[in-house]
Amino acid sequence: MDDNYQTYLNRVAKLAMPENYKSLVQHIHSSPKFKSLPEGGRKAVSFAGYTIIAPPAEEDNQNIEFYQSLNSFQKQLIELTPNNLIVPVPPSSFHITLADLIWESAYHYAQEKVENFDEQLHKAIFKIFEQYQQSKIATPIEWQVLGVIVMPRAIGVSLVPKTESAYNQILNLRRAIYQSPDLTALGLEQHYHFTPHITLGYFGEVTPELERDRLCNTISQLNQQLSEFPEFKISQAELRKFDDMTRYYRQSDWSILTF
């Protein structure tokens, strides 16, 4: 399902091109992952599941400068866009997803139908990581920021591995995960092409009065700053659980893959 390197580059480059923002902002919607509060603002709703990610910002000591820059960029984004349009995620939760696993209704269904589902999932990921570590040459993966990415219900920054070999290293891991008989037996399957990004916020109040052309111009101007961003390095992939879109956590005995 995932693209080869050149096809992938062409696809994500189009998503981050300022000339395409005008079309993309026409299709944004309020995210159901946050709900309105009577006193104003929005709060994350329950949305549970598992994912494979690089360590989130609050635990990532090798990308401190990068995340500091991203924190500042998020603040500018919120300041320059209409009030309540974007619900910012906590900077401590900034992360890049390497492989989605299971979430919300599918996760709750699996918990009901599969005995000891969580324990079986942990064991399956441990086995995948162990086999990958033994069979593949794994080296830290260097990334660079490509640009702002506007999704139907969220906004973030897109990243690309700097080399084809680095990209293929991630693809090999994703194939090991999504083609695992153990995970298939648990009902897990691949849903999306690999489009690595770090989410900055989710769309909140998208009103009919929203000046979409103005929003497009704002995003395009902010996008120009990203060419000066520090590089980003990944040296670990981790199994993480989430209860909503604001925190991704793990227990000390959960699986870690070292690149």
Protein backbone atom coordinates (compact mmCIF):
# COMPACT_ATOMS: atom_id res chain seq x y z
CA MET A 1 0.00 0.00 0.00
CA ASP A 2 2.85 2.40 0.76
CA ASP A 3 4.51 4.21 -2.15
CA ASN A 4 8.05 3.87 -3.43
CA TYR A 5 10.32 6.76 -2.50
CA GLN A 6 9.86 8.93 -5.58
CA THR A 7 6.07 8.49 -5.69
CA TYR A 8 5.95 9.31 -1.99
CA LEU A 9 8.03 12.48 -2.47
CA ASN A 10 5.81 13.65 -5.31
CA ARG A 11 2.65 13.04 -3.28
CA VAL A 12 3.71 14.78 -0.07
CA ALA A 13 5.37 17.64 -1.95
CA LYS A 14 2.01 18.50 -3.49
CA LEU A 15 0.37 18.54 -0.06
CA ALA A 16 2.88 21.08 1.22
CA MET A 17 2.80 23.40 -1.79
CA PRO A 18 1.35 26.83 -0.91
CA GLU A 19 -0.53 26.95 -4.23
CA ASN A 20 -2.56 23.93 -3.08
CA TYR A 21 -3.58 25.43 0.27
CA LYS A 22 -6.41 27.37 -1.37
CA SER A 23 -8.12 24.15 -2.35
CA LEU A 24 -7.31 22.33 0.89
CA VAL A 25 -8.74 25.01 3.21
CA GLN A 26 -12.07 24.75 1.38
CA HIS A 27 -12.53 21.28 2.83
CA ILE A 28 -11.61 21.69 6.50
CA HIS A 29 -14.09 20.57 9.16
CA SER A 30 -14.38 20.67 12.94
CA SER A 31 -12.63 17.68 14.49
CA PRO A 32 -14.86 15.33 16.54
CA LYS A 33 -11.85 14.56 18.73
CA PHE A 34 -12.58 17.77 20.68
CA LYS A 35 -15.88 19.07 22.05
CA SER A 36 -17.08 22.58 22.86
CA LEU A 37 -17.24 23.66 26.50
CA PRO A 38 -20.07 25.80 27.89
CA GLU A 39 -17.55 28.34 29.17
CA GLY A 40 -15.81 28.48 25.79
CA GLY A 41 -12.92 26.64 24.21
CA ARG A 42 -12.70 22.94 23.49
CA LYS A 43 -11.71 19.80 25.38
CA ALA A 44 -10.34 16.52 24.10
CA VAL A 45 -12.89 13.70 24.09
CA SER A 46 -12.15 10.05 24.77
CA PHE A 47 -10.40 8.49 21.78
CA ALA A 48 -8.38 5.47 22.83
CA GLY A 49 -6.02 3.16 21.04
CA TYR A 50 -2.43 2.16 20.26
CA THR A 51 0.19 3.47 17.85
CA ILE A 52 3.86 3.15 16.94
CA ILE A 53 5.61 6.52 17.24
CA ALA A 54 8.99 8.08 17.81
CA PRO A 55 9.32 9.37 21.41
CA PRO A 56 7.05 12.39 21.99
CA ALA A 57 8.62 15.80 22.56
CA GLU A 58 8.49 15.62 26.35
CA GLU A 59 10.73 12.52 26.31
CA ASP A 60 12.89 13.25 23.27
CA ASN A 61 16.28 14.59 24.38
CA GLN A 62 17.97 14.53 20.98
CA ASN A 63 15.52 16.87 19.19
CA ILE A 64 15.18 19.59 21.82
CA GLU A 65 16.07 22.43 19.43
CA PHE A 66 13.64 21.13 16.82
CA TYR A 67 10.74 20.94 19.26
CA GLN A 68 11.50 24.37 20.67
CA SER A 69 11.25 25.76 17.14
CA LEU A 70 8.04 23.83 16.54
CA ASN A 71 6.56 25.17 19.79
CA SER A 72 7.24 28.73 18.65
CA PHE A 73 5.79 27.99 15.23
CA GLN A 74 2.60 26.60 16.80
CA LYS A 75 2.18 29.76 18.87
CA GLN A 76 2.47 31.92 15.75
CA LEU A 77 -0.06 29.75 13.96
CA ILE A 78 -2.59 30.16 16.77
CA GLU A 79 -1.97 33.89 17.09
CA LEU A 80 -2.38 34.55 13.37
CA THR A 81 -5.53 32.50 12.79
CA PRO A 82 -9.10 33.24 13.99
CA ASN A 83 -9.94 32.57 17.63
CA ASN A 84 -11.00 28.98 18.29
CA LEU A 85 -10.34 27.89 14.71
CA ILE A 86 -7.45 25.68 15.77
CA VAL A 87 -7.33 23.69 19.00
CA PRO A 88 -3.59 23.38 19.75
CA VAL A 89 -2.27 20.08 21.03
CA PRO A 90 0.09 20.27 24.03
CA PRO A 91 3.67 20.78 22.78
CA SER A 92 4.73 17.97 25.11
CA SER A 93 2.71 15.57 22.93
CA PHE A 94 4.28 16.54 19.60
CA HIS A 95 5.31 13.35 17.82
CA ILE A 96 5.69 11.62 14.47
CA THR A 97 3.64 8.48 13.84
CA LEU A 98 5.44 5.58 12.18
CA ALA A 99 2.51 3.16 12.05
CA ASP A 100 -1.10 3.53 13.15
CA LEU A 101 -2.37 0.40 14.90
CA ILE A 102 -5.91 0.53 16.29
CA TRP A 103 -8.19 3.16 17.73
CA GLU A 104 -11.63 4.10 19.06
CA SER A 105 -14.52 1.79 18.01
CA ALA A 106 -12.22 -0.87 16.53
CA TYR A 107 -10.16 -0.89 19.73
CA HIS A 108 -13.19 -1.18 22.01
CA TYR A 109 -14.62 -3.94 19.82
CA ALA A 110 -11.34 -5.86 19.95
CA GLN A 111 -11.20 -5.54 23.73
CA GLU A 112 -14.68 -7.05 23.96
CA LYS A 113 -14.20 -9.84 21.43
CA VAL A 114 -10.56 -10.87 21.88
CA GLU A 115 -9.48 -12.33 25.21
CA ASN A 116 -6.55 -10.41 26.73
CA PHE A 117 -6.36 -8.22 23.63
CA ASP A 118 -3.94 -5.66 25.08
CA GLU A 119 -1.56 -8.34 26.32
CA GLN A 120 -1.64 -10.12 22.95
CA LEU A 121 -0.96 -6.84 21.15
CA HIS A 122 2.04 -6.12 23.38
CA LYS A 123 3.48 -9.57 22.71
CA ALA A 124 2.95 -9.26 18.96
CA ILE A 125 4.74 -5.90 18.79
CA PHE A 126 7.60 -7.24 20.94
CA LYS A 127 8.02 -10.13 18.50
CA ILE A 128 7.94 -7.83 15.46
CA PHE A 129 10.51 -5.45 16.94
CA GLU A 130 12.77 -8.29 17.99
CA GLN A 131 12.69 -9.93 14.56
CA TYR A 132 13.21 -6.59 12.79
CA GLN A 133 16.18 -5.75 15.00
CA GLN A 134 17.82 -9.07 14.19
CA SER A 135 17.19 -9.09 10.44
CA LYS A 136 17.53 -5.45 9.37
CA ILE A 137 20.35 -2.93 9.44
CA ALA A 138 18.87 -0.16 11.56
CA THR A 139 20.50 3.27 11.73
CA PRO A 140 19.16 6.62 13.03
CA ILE A 141 16.90 8.26 10.46
CA GLU A 142 17.40 11.92 9.57
CA TRP A 143 14.39 13.95 8.50
CA GLN A 144 13.78 17.45 7.23
CA VAL A 145 10.65 19.58 7.41
CA LEU A 146 8.90 19.87 4.07
CA GLY A 147 6.13 22.33 4.88
CA VAL A 148 2.76 22.95 6.49
CA ILE A 149 0.24 20.20 5.81
CA VAL A 150 -3.49 21.00 5.88
CA MET A 151 -5.71 17.98 6.51
CA PRO A 152 -9.52 17.93 6.63
CA ARG A 153 -9.63 18.06 10.44
CA ALA A 154 -6.09 18.98 11.51
CA ILE A 155 -3.02 21.00 10.62
CA GLY A 156 0.63 20.17 11.11
CA VAL A 157 4.06 20.10 9.51
CA SER A 158 5.12 17.46 7.01
CA LEU A 159 8.51 15.75 7.25
CA VAL A 160 10.49 13.60 4.82
CA PRO A 161 13.37 11.19 5.37
CA LYS A 162 16.48 12.72 3.80
CA THR A 163 17.45 9.60 1.85
CA GLU A 164 15.74 6.76 0.05
CA SER A 165 17.44 4.20 2.29
CA ALA A 166 16.06 5.95 5.38
CA TYR A 167 12.58 5.93 3.86
CA ASN A 168 12.88 2.24 3.00
CA GLN A 169 13.93 1.50 6.55
CA ILE A 170 10.60 2.85 7.77
CA LEU A 171 8.74 1.00 5.01
CA ASN A 172 10.35 -2.28 6.05
CA LEU A 173 9.17 -1.69 9.60
CA ARG A 174 5.64 -0.86 8.44
CA ARG A 175 5.51 -3.99 6.30
CA ALA A 176 6.71 -6.09 9.24
CA ILE A 177 3.87 -4.62 11.31
CA TYR A 178 1.01 -4.72 8.82
CA GLN A 179 1.94 -8.14 7.41
CA SER A 180 2.32 -9.74 10.82
CA PRO A 181 0.04 -12.79 11.15
CA ASP A 182 -0.22 -12.11 14.88
CA LEU A 183 -1.58 -8.60 14.33
CA THR A 184 -3.82 -9.69 11.47
CA ALA A 185 -5.34 -12.30 13.78
CA LEU A 186 -6.10 -9.49 16.24
CA GLY A 187 -7.96 -7.56 13.55
CA LEU A 188 -5.31 -4.92 12.83
CA GLU A 189 -4.79 -3.71 9.28
CA GLN A 190 -3.26 -0.82 7.36
CA HIS A 191 -5.62 2.06 6.61
CA TYR A 192 -3.40 4.89 5.34
CA HIS A 193 -0.46 5.60 3.08
CA PHE A 194 2.59 6.74 5.01
CA THR A 195 2.37 10.54 5.27
CA PRO A 196 4.72 11.48 8.12
CA HIS A 197 3.82 14.68 9.92
CA ILE A 198 3.60 16.25 13.35
CA THR A 199 0.14 17.53 14.24
CA LEU A 200 0.06 21.05 15.68
CA GLY A 201 -3.67 21.29 16.26
CA TYR A 202 -7.15 20.19 15.26
CA PHE A 203 -9.79 22.37 13.68
CA GLY A 204 -12.36 23.63 16.17
CA GLU A 205 -14.96 26.23 15.20
CA VAL A 206 -15.10 26.29 11.41
CA THR A 207 -17.82 28.88 10.79
CA PRO A 208 -19.45 29.98 7.51
CA GLU A 209 -17.87 33.40 8.11
CA LEU A 210 -14.34 31.99 8.00
CA GLU A 211 -12.25 33.96 5.51
CA ARG A 212 -10.63 31.00 3.82
CA ASP A 213 -8.54 33.03 1.38
CA ARG A 214 -7.07 34.97 4.27
CA LEU A 215 -6.37 31.72 6.12
CA CYS A 216 -4.66 30.37 3.02
CA ASN A 217 -2.40 33.43 2.82
CA THR A 218 -1.52 33.17 6.51
CA ILE A 219 -0.53 29.52 6.19
CA SER A 220 1.49 30.25 3.04
CA GLN A 221 3.43 33.01 4.81
CA LEU A 222 4.14 30.83 7.84
CA ASN A 223 5.23 28.03 5.56
CA GLN A 224 8.22 30.08 4.42
CA GLN A 225 9.74 29.89 7.91
CA LEU A 226 10.03 26.12 7.82
CA SER A 227 13.00 26.11 5.46
CA GLU A 228 15.15 27.24 8.40
CA PHE A 229 14.03 24.51 10.78
CA PRO A 230 16.60 22.22 12.43
CA GLU A 231 16.87 18.65 11.22
CA PHE A 232 14.96 15.95 13.04
CA LYS A 233 16.43 12.57 13.97
CA ILE A 234 14.67 9.34 14.92
CA SER A 235 16.59 6.65 16.75
CA GLN A 236 13.67 4.79 18.39
CA ALA A 237 10.22 3.46 17.57
CA GLU A 238 7.93 2.77 20.51
CA LEU A 239 4.57 1.18 21.22
CA ARG A 240 2.40 3.87 22.82
CA LYS A 241 -1.16 4.02 24.10
CA PHE A 242 -3.44 7.05 24.03
CA ASP A 243 -6.74 7.88 25.72
CA ASP A 244 -7.26 11.06 23.69
CA MET A 245 -5.25 13.24 21.31
CA THR A 246 -3.23 15.04 23.99
CA ARG A 247 -0.95 12.36 25.49
CA TYR A 248 0.87 9.23 24.34
CA TYR A 249 2.29 7.02 27.06
CA ARG A 250 3.95 3.67 27.64
CA GLN A 251 4.85 1.32 30.45
CA SER A 252 8.51 0.60 31.17
CA ASP A 253 8.28 -2.99 29.89
CA TRP A 254 6.68 -2.12 26.55
CA SER A 255 8.53 -2.66 23.30
CA ILE A 256 11.16 -0.28 21.93
CA LEU A 257 12.93 -0.62 18.60
CA THR A 258 16.31 1.09 18.33
CA PHE A 259 17.51 2.44 14.99
